[in-house]
Amino acid sequence: MLNKDYYILLSISETIKKILKYSSDYKTAKELYANDRDFDASMMNFIVIGEEVGKLSDEFKDKNQQVEWYKIHALRNIIAHHYFGINVDIVWQIIKKDIPLFKKEIEKLIN
């Protein structure tokens, strides 16, 4: 792994922790969406993750295809360009189902 990729993974890991922190007090997508600050902070951090994924070397992404890098980057584009058309239930599902798995995978790659 290139040194640059390692530091990007550390940044992604910290950003994942922020999303989990900002969403942890809510039981439903509707509750999270009702809190502008936490919802907006979570969305911004999804954008940050997408930006960081885009900075990973192609070599690294090719060697670690178990992570759907393209989909992660695509989510960044959806949030950044269609912010007012985001399906909150899908975002909630990503936070509750996909982010914990992504977090585990990033931790494996770091270690």
N, C-alpha and C. Protein backbone atom coordinates (compact mmCIF):
# COMPACT_ATOMS: atom_id res chain seq x y z
N MET A 1 0.84 -1.18 0.00
CA MET A 1 0.00 0.00 0.00
C MET A 1 0.88 1.23 0.00
N LEU A 2 0.53 2.17 -0.84
CA LEU A 2 1.26 3.42 -0.87
C LEU A 2 0.99 4.19 0.42
N ASN A 3 1.98 4.94 0.88
CA ASN A 3 1.85 5.74 2.09
C ASN A 3 0.63 6.67 1.99
N LYS A 4 0.44 7.25 0.82
CA LYS A 4 -0.70 8.16 0.60
C LYS A 4 -2.01 7.43 0.86
N ASP A 5 -2.14 6.22 0.36
CA ASP A 5 -3.37 5.44 0.54
C ASP A 5 -3.64 5.17 2.02
N TYR A 6 -2.60 4.89 2.76
CA TYR A 6 -2.75 4.62 4.19
C TYR A 6 -3.36 5.83 4.91
N TYR A 7 -2.86 7.01 4.64
CA TYR A 7 -3.37 8.22 5.29
C TYR A 7 -4.79 8.55 4.84
N ILE A 8 -5.11 8.24 3.61
CA ILE A 8 -6.47 8.43 3.13
C ILE A 8 -7.41 7.47 3.87
N LEU A 9 -6.99 6.24 4.07
CA LEU A 9 -7.80 5.28 4.82
C LEU A 9 -8.03 5.74 6.25
N LEU A 10 -7.01 6.33 6.86
CA LEU A 10 -7.18 6.87 8.22
C LEU A 10 -8.22 7.98 8.22
N SER A 11 -8.18 8.82 7.22
CA SER A 11 -9.16 9.90 7.11
C SER A 11 -10.57 9.34 6.91
N ILE A 12 -10.70 8.34 6.06
CA ILE A 12 -12.00 7.70 5.84
C ILE A 12 -12.52 7.09 7.14
N SER A 13 -11.65 6.45 7.88
CA SER A 13 -12.04 5.84 9.16
C SER A 13 -12.58 6.89 10.13
N GLU A 14 -11.91 8.01 10.22
CA GLU A 14 -12.38 9.09 11.11
C GLU A 14 -13.72 9.65 10.64
N THR A 15 -13.89 9.76 9.36
CA THR A 15 -15.12 10.29 8.80
C THR A 15 -16.29 9.33 9.04
N ILE A 16 -16.04 8.05 8.92
CA ILE A 16 -17.06 7.04 9.22
C ILE A 16 -17.50 7.19 10.68
N LYS A 17 -16.55 7.35 11.57
CA LYS A 17 -16.88 7.52 13.00
C LYS A 17 -17.78 8.73 13.22
N LYS A 18 -17.54 9.79 12.48
CA LYS A 18 -18.38 10.99 12.60
C LYS A 18 -19.82 10.71 12.16
N ILE A 19 -19.98 10.02 11.05
CA ILE A 19 -21.33 9.68 10.58
C ILE A 19 -22.05 8.85 11.63
N LEU A 20 -21.37 7.87 12.18
CA LEU A 20 -21.99 7.02 13.20
C LEU A 20 -22.33 7.83 14.45
N LYS A 21 -21.47 8.75 14.81
CA LYS A 21 -21.73 9.60 15.98
C LYS A 21 -22.93 10.51 15.74
N TYR A 22 -22.96 11.17 14.60
CA TYR A 22 -24.04 12.11 14.30
C TYR A 22 -25.41 11.43 14.18
N SER A 23 -25.42 10.16 13.83
CA SER A 23 -26.69 9.46 13.63
C SER A 23 -27.08 8.55 14.80
N SER A 24 -26.22 8.43 15.78
CA SER A 24 -26.42 7.43 16.84
C SER A 24 -27.61 7.70 17.76
N ASP A 25 -28.05 8.93 17.89
CA ASP A 25 -29.15 9.25 18.81
C ASP A 25 -30.53 9.05 18.20
N TYR A 26 -30.59 8.60 16.95
CA TYR A 26 -31.86 8.52 16.26
C TYR A 26 -32.26 7.07 16.00
N LYS A 27 -33.57 6.84 16.04
CA LYS A 27 -34.08 5.49 15.81
C LYS A 27 -34.66 5.31 14.41
N THR A 28 -34.92 6.42 13.73
CA THR A 28 -35.50 6.33 12.38
C THR A 28 -34.88 7.38 11.47
N ALA A 29 -35.08 7.17 10.19
CA ALA A 29 -34.61 8.14 9.19
C ALA A 29 -35.30 9.48 9.38
N LYS A 30 -36.57 9.43 9.70
CA LYS A 30 -37.35 10.66 9.89
C LYS A 30 -36.80 11.49 11.05
N GLU A 31 -36.42 10.82 12.12
CA GLU A 31 -35.85 11.54 13.27
C GLU A 31 -34.54 12.22 12.90
N LEU A 32 -33.67 11.49 12.21
CA LEU A 32 -32.39 12.08 11.79
C LEU A 32 -32.64 13.27 10.86
N TYR A 33 -33.53 13.10 9.91
CA TYR A 33 -33.81 14.15 8.95
C TYR A 33 -34.38 15.40 9.62
N ALA A 34 -35.11 15.21 10.71
CA ALA A 34 -35.71 16.34 11.43
C ALA A 34 -34.66 17.21 12.12
N ASN A 35 -33.49 16.66 12.36
CA ASN A 35 -32.42 17.44 12.98
C ASN A 35 -31.48 17.92 11.87
N ASP A 36 -31.67 19.16 11.45
CA ASP A 36 -30.90 19.69 10.33
C ASP A 36 -29.40 19.55 10.53
N ARG A 37 -28.93 19.87 11.71
CA ARG A 37 -27.48 19.86 11.97
C ARG A 37 -26.89 18.46 11.79
N ASP A 38 -27.49 17.47 12.43
CA ASP A 38 -26.93 16.12 12.35
C ASP A 38 -27.11 15.50 10.97
N PHE A 39 -28.25 15.78 10.34
CA PHE A 39 -28.46 15.26 8.99
C PHE A 39 -27.47 15.89 8.02
N ASP A 40 -27.35 17.22 8.06
CA ASP A 40 -26.43 17.90 7.16
C ASP A 40 -24.98 17.47 7.40
N ALA A 41 -24.61 17.30 8.67
CA ALA A 41 -23.25 16.86 9.00
C ALA A 41 -23.00 15.46 8.45
N SER A 42 -23.97 14.59 8.57
CA SER A 42 -23.82 13.23 8.04
C SER A 42 -23.66 13.27 6.53
N MET A 43 -24.48 14.06 5.85
CA MET A 43 -24.40 14.15 4.39
C MET A 43 -23.04 14.71 3.95
N MET A 44 -22.59 15.71 4.66
CA MET A 44 -21.28 16.29 4.32
C MET A 44 -20.17 15.26 4.47
N ASN A 45 -20.28 14.43 5.48
CA ASN A 45 -19.25 13.42 5.68
C ASN A 45 -19.32 12.30 4.66
N PHE A 46 -20.50 12.02 4.13
CA PHE A 46 -20.58 11.09 3.00
C PHE A 46 -19.83 11.68 1.79
N ILE A 47 -19.98 12.98 1.59
CA ILE A 47 -19.26 13.65 0.51
C ILE A 47 -17.76 13.55 0.73
N VAL A 48 -17.32 13.77 1.96
CA VAL A 48 -15.89 13.68 2.28
C VAL A 48 -15.37 12.28 1.99
N ILE A 49 -16.11 11.25 2.38
CA ILE A 49 -15.68 9.88 2.11
C ILE A 49 -15.53 9.67 0.60
N GLY A 50 -16.51 10.12 -0.16
CA GLY A 50 -16.44 9.98 -1.62
C GLY A 50 -15.24 10.68 -2.21
N GLU A 51 -14.94 11.87 -1.70
CA GLU A 51 -13.76 12.61 -2.16
C GLU A 51 -12.48 11.83 -1.84
N GLU A 52 -12.41 11.31 -0.64
CA GLU A 52 -11.21 10.56 -0.23
C GLU A 52 -11.05 9.28 -1.05
N VAL A 53 -12.14 8.59 -1.30
CA VAL A 53 -12.09 7.38 -2.13
C VAL A 53 -11.53 7.72 -3.51
N GLY A 54 -11.94 8.86 -4.03
CA GLY A 54 -11.43 9.29 -5.34
C GLY A 54 -9.94 9.56 -5.35
N LYS A 55 -9.36 9.80 -4.19
CA LYS A 55 -7.92 10.07 -4.09
C LYS A 55 -7.08 8.81 -3.92
N LEU A 56 -7.73 7.68 -3.59
CA LEU A 56 -6.97 6.42 -3.46
C LEU A 56 -6.38 6.04 -4.81
N SER A 57 -5.21 5.44 -4.77
CA SER A 57 -4.58 5.02 -6.03
C SER A 57 -5.39 3.92 -6.70
N ASP A 58 -5.37 3.91 -8.01
CA ASP A 58 -6.06 2.86 -8.76
C ASP A 58 -5.49 1.50 -8.40
N GLU A 59 -4.20 1.44 -8.20
CA GLU A 59 -3.55 0.19 -7.82
C GLU A 59 -4.14 -0.36 -6.52
N PHE A 60 -4.31 0.51 -5.54
CA PHE A 60 -4.88 0.09 -4.26
C PHE A 60 -6.32 -0.40 -4.44
N LYS A 61 -7.12 0.36 -5.18
CA LYS A 61 -8.52 -0.03 -5.38
C LYS A 61 -8.61 -1.34 -6.17
N ASP A 62 -7.73 -1.54 -7.13
CA ASP A 62 -7.73 -2.78 -7.91
C ASP A 62 -7.39 -3.98 -7.03
N LYS A 63 -6.50 -3.79 -6.07
CA LYS A 63 -6.10 -4.88 -5.17
C LYS A 63 -7.14 -5.16 -4.09
N ASN A 64 -8.06 -4.24 -3.89
CA ASN A 64 -9.04 -4.36 -2.81
C ASN A 64 -10.45 -4.18 -3.34
N GLN A 65 -10.79 -5.03 -4.29
CA GLN A 65 -12.07 -4.93 -4.96
C GLN A 65 -13.25 -5.43 -4.12
N GLN A 66 -12.96 -5.95 -2.93
CA GLN A 66 -14.04 -6.35 -2.03
C GLN A 66 -14.83 -5.14 -1.55
N VAL A 67 -14.24 -3.96 -1.65
CA VAL A 67 -14.93 -2.71 -1.33
C VAL A 67 -15.45 -2.12 -2.64
N GLU A 68 -16.68 -1.70 -2.64
CA GLU A 68 -17.29 -1.15 -3.85
C GLU A 68 -16.97 0.34 -3.96
N TRP A 69 -15.72 0.62 -4.30
CA TRP A 69 -15.22 1.99 -4.36
C TRP A 69 -16.05 2.86 -5.28
N TYR A 70 -16.44 2.31 -6.43
CA TYR A 70 -17.21 3.08 -7.40
C TYR A 70 -18.55 3.53 -6.82
N LYS A 71 -19.22 2.62 -6.13
CA LYS A 71 -20.52 2.96 -5.54
C LYS A 71 -20.38 4.02 -4.44
N ILE A 72 -19.31 3.94 -3.70
CA ILE A 72 -19.07 4.91 -2.64
C ILE A 72 -18.86 6.30 -3.25
N HIS A 73 -18.07 6.35 -4.29
CA HIS A 73 -17.84 7.62 -4.97
C HIS A 73 -19.13 8.12 -5.64
N ALA A 74 -19.91 7.20 -6.18
CA ALA A 74 -21.18 7.57 -6.83
C ALA A 74 -22.15 8.17 -5.81
N LEU A 75 -22.17 7.64 -4.60
CA LEU A 75 -23.03 8.21 -3.55
C LEU A 75 -22.64 9.65 -3.27
N ARG A 76 -21.35 9.93 -3.27
CA ARG A 76 -20.88 11.30 -3.08
C ARG A 76 -21.48 12.22 -4.14
N ASN A 77 -21.48 11.76 -5.38
CA ASN A 77 -22.02 12.58 -6.47
C ASN A 77 -23.52 12.80 -6.33
N ILE A 78 -24.23 11.78 -5.92
CA ILE A 78 -25.67 11.91 -5.72
C ILE A 78 -25.97 12.93 -4.64
N ILE A 79 -25.29 12.82 -3.52
CA ILE A 79 -25.53 13.74 -2.41
C ILE A 79 -25.13 15.17 -2.80
N ALA A 80 -23.99 15.32 -3.42
CA ALA A 80 -23.50 16.66 -3.75
C ALA A 80 -24.34 17.36 -4.81
N HIS A 81 -24.87 16.59 -5.76
CA HIS A 81 -25.55 17.22 -6.89
C HIS A 81 -27.07 17.14 -6.83
N HIS A 82 -27.60 16.30 -5.95
CA HIS A 82 -29.05 16.14 -5.85
C HIS A 82 -29.49 16.21 -4.39
N TYR A 83 -28.87 17.10 -3.65
CA TYR A 83 -29.07 17.15 -2.20
C TYR A 83 -30.54 17.20 -1.80
N PHE A 84 -31.34 17.99 -2.49
CA PHE A 84 -32.74 18.13 -2.09
C PHE A 84 -33.61 16.99 -2.61
N GLY A 85 -33.04 16.08 -3.36
CA GLY A 85 -33.79 14.93 -3.84
C GLY A 85 -33.34 13.62 -3.22
N ILE A 86 -32.61 13.71 -2.13
CA ILE A 86 -32.08 12.51 -1.48
C ILE A 86 -33.20 11.73 -0.80
N ASN A 87 -33.20 10.43 -1.00
CA ASN A 87 -34.15 9.56 -0.30
C ASN A 87 -33.59 9.27 1.08
N VAL A 88 -34.20 9.85 2.08
CA VAL A 88 -33.70 9.75 3.45
C VAL A 88 -33.71 8.31 3.95
N ASP A 89 -34.70 7.53 3.53
CA ASP A 89 -34.77 6.13 3.96
C ASP A 89 -33.59 5.32 3.43
N ILE A 90 -33.17 5.62 2.21
CA ILE A 90 -32.00 4.92 1.65
C ILE A 90 -30.74 5.32 2.39
N VAL A 91 -30.61 6.61 2.68
CA VAL A 91 -29.44 7.08 3.45
C VAL A 91 -29.42 6.40 4.81
N TRP A 92 -30.58 6.30 5.45
CA TRP A 92 -30.68 5.66 6.76
C TRP A 92 -30.24 4.20 6.67
N GLN A 93 -30.68 3.51 5.64
CA GLN A 93 -30.29 2.12 5.43
C GLN A 93 -28.78 2.01 5.25
N ILE A 94 -28.19 2.92 4.51
CA ILE A 94 -26.74 2.93 4.32
C ILE A 94 -26.04 3.14 5.65
N ILE A 95 -26.54 4.07 6.45
CA ILE A 95 -25.93 4.35 7.75
C ILE A 95 -26.01 3.13 8.66
N LYS A 96 -27.17 2.49 8.70
CA LYS A 96 -27.38 1.39 9.64
C LYS A 96 -26.80 0.06 9.16
N LYS A 97 -26.80 -0.17 7.86
CA LYS A 97 -26.37 -1.47 7.34
C LYS A 97 -24.97 -1.43 6.72
N ASP A 98 -24.76 -0.49 5.83
CA ASP A 98 -23.52 -0.49 5.05
C ASP A 98 -22.33 0.17 5.74
N ILE A 99 -22.57 1.26 6.45
CA ILE A 99 -21.45 1.96 7.10
C ILE A 99 -20.73 1.09 8.13
N PRO A 100 -21.44 0.34 8.98
CA PRO A 100 -20.70 -0.53 9.91
C PRO A 100 -19.83 -1.58 9.20
N LEU A 101 -20.32 -2.12 8.10
CA LEU A 101 -19.53 -3.09 7.33
C LEU A 101 -18.34 -2.40 6.67
N PHE A 102 -18.57 -1.22 6.14
CA PHE A 102 -17.51 -0.43 5.51
C PHE A 102 -16.43 -0.09 6.55
N LYS A 103 -16.87 0.26 7.73
CA LYS A 103 -15.95 0.59 8.82
C LYS A 103 -15.04 -0.61 9.12
N LYS A 104 -15.61 -1.80 9.22
CA LYS A 104 -14.82 -3.01 9.49
C LYS A 104 -13.81 -3.25 8.37
N GLU A 105 -14.24 -3.07 7.15
CA GLU A 105 -13.36 -3.31 5.99
C GLU A 105 -12.21 -2.30 5.99
N ILE A 106 -12.50 -1.05 6.26
CA ILE A 106 -11.45 -0.02 6.30
C ILE A 106 -10.46 -0.32 7.43
N GLU A 107 -10.98 -0.74 8.58
CA GLU A 107 -10.09 -1.09 9.69
C GLU A 107 -9.16 -2.25 9.33
N LYS A 108 -9.69 -3.24 8.61
CA LYS A 108 -8.85 -4.36 8.15
C LYS A 108 -7.74 -3.85 7.22
N LEU A 109 -8.11 -2.96 6.31
CA LEU A 109 -7.14 -2.44 5.35
C LEU A 109 -6.06 -1.60 6.05
N ILE A 110 -6.44 -0.88 7.08
CA ILE A 110 -5.48 -0.08 7.83
C ILE A 110 -4.49 -0.98 8.56
N ASN A 111 -5.02 -2.02 9.14
CA ASN A 111 -4.16 -2.93 9.93
C ASN A 111 -3.46 -3.92 9.03
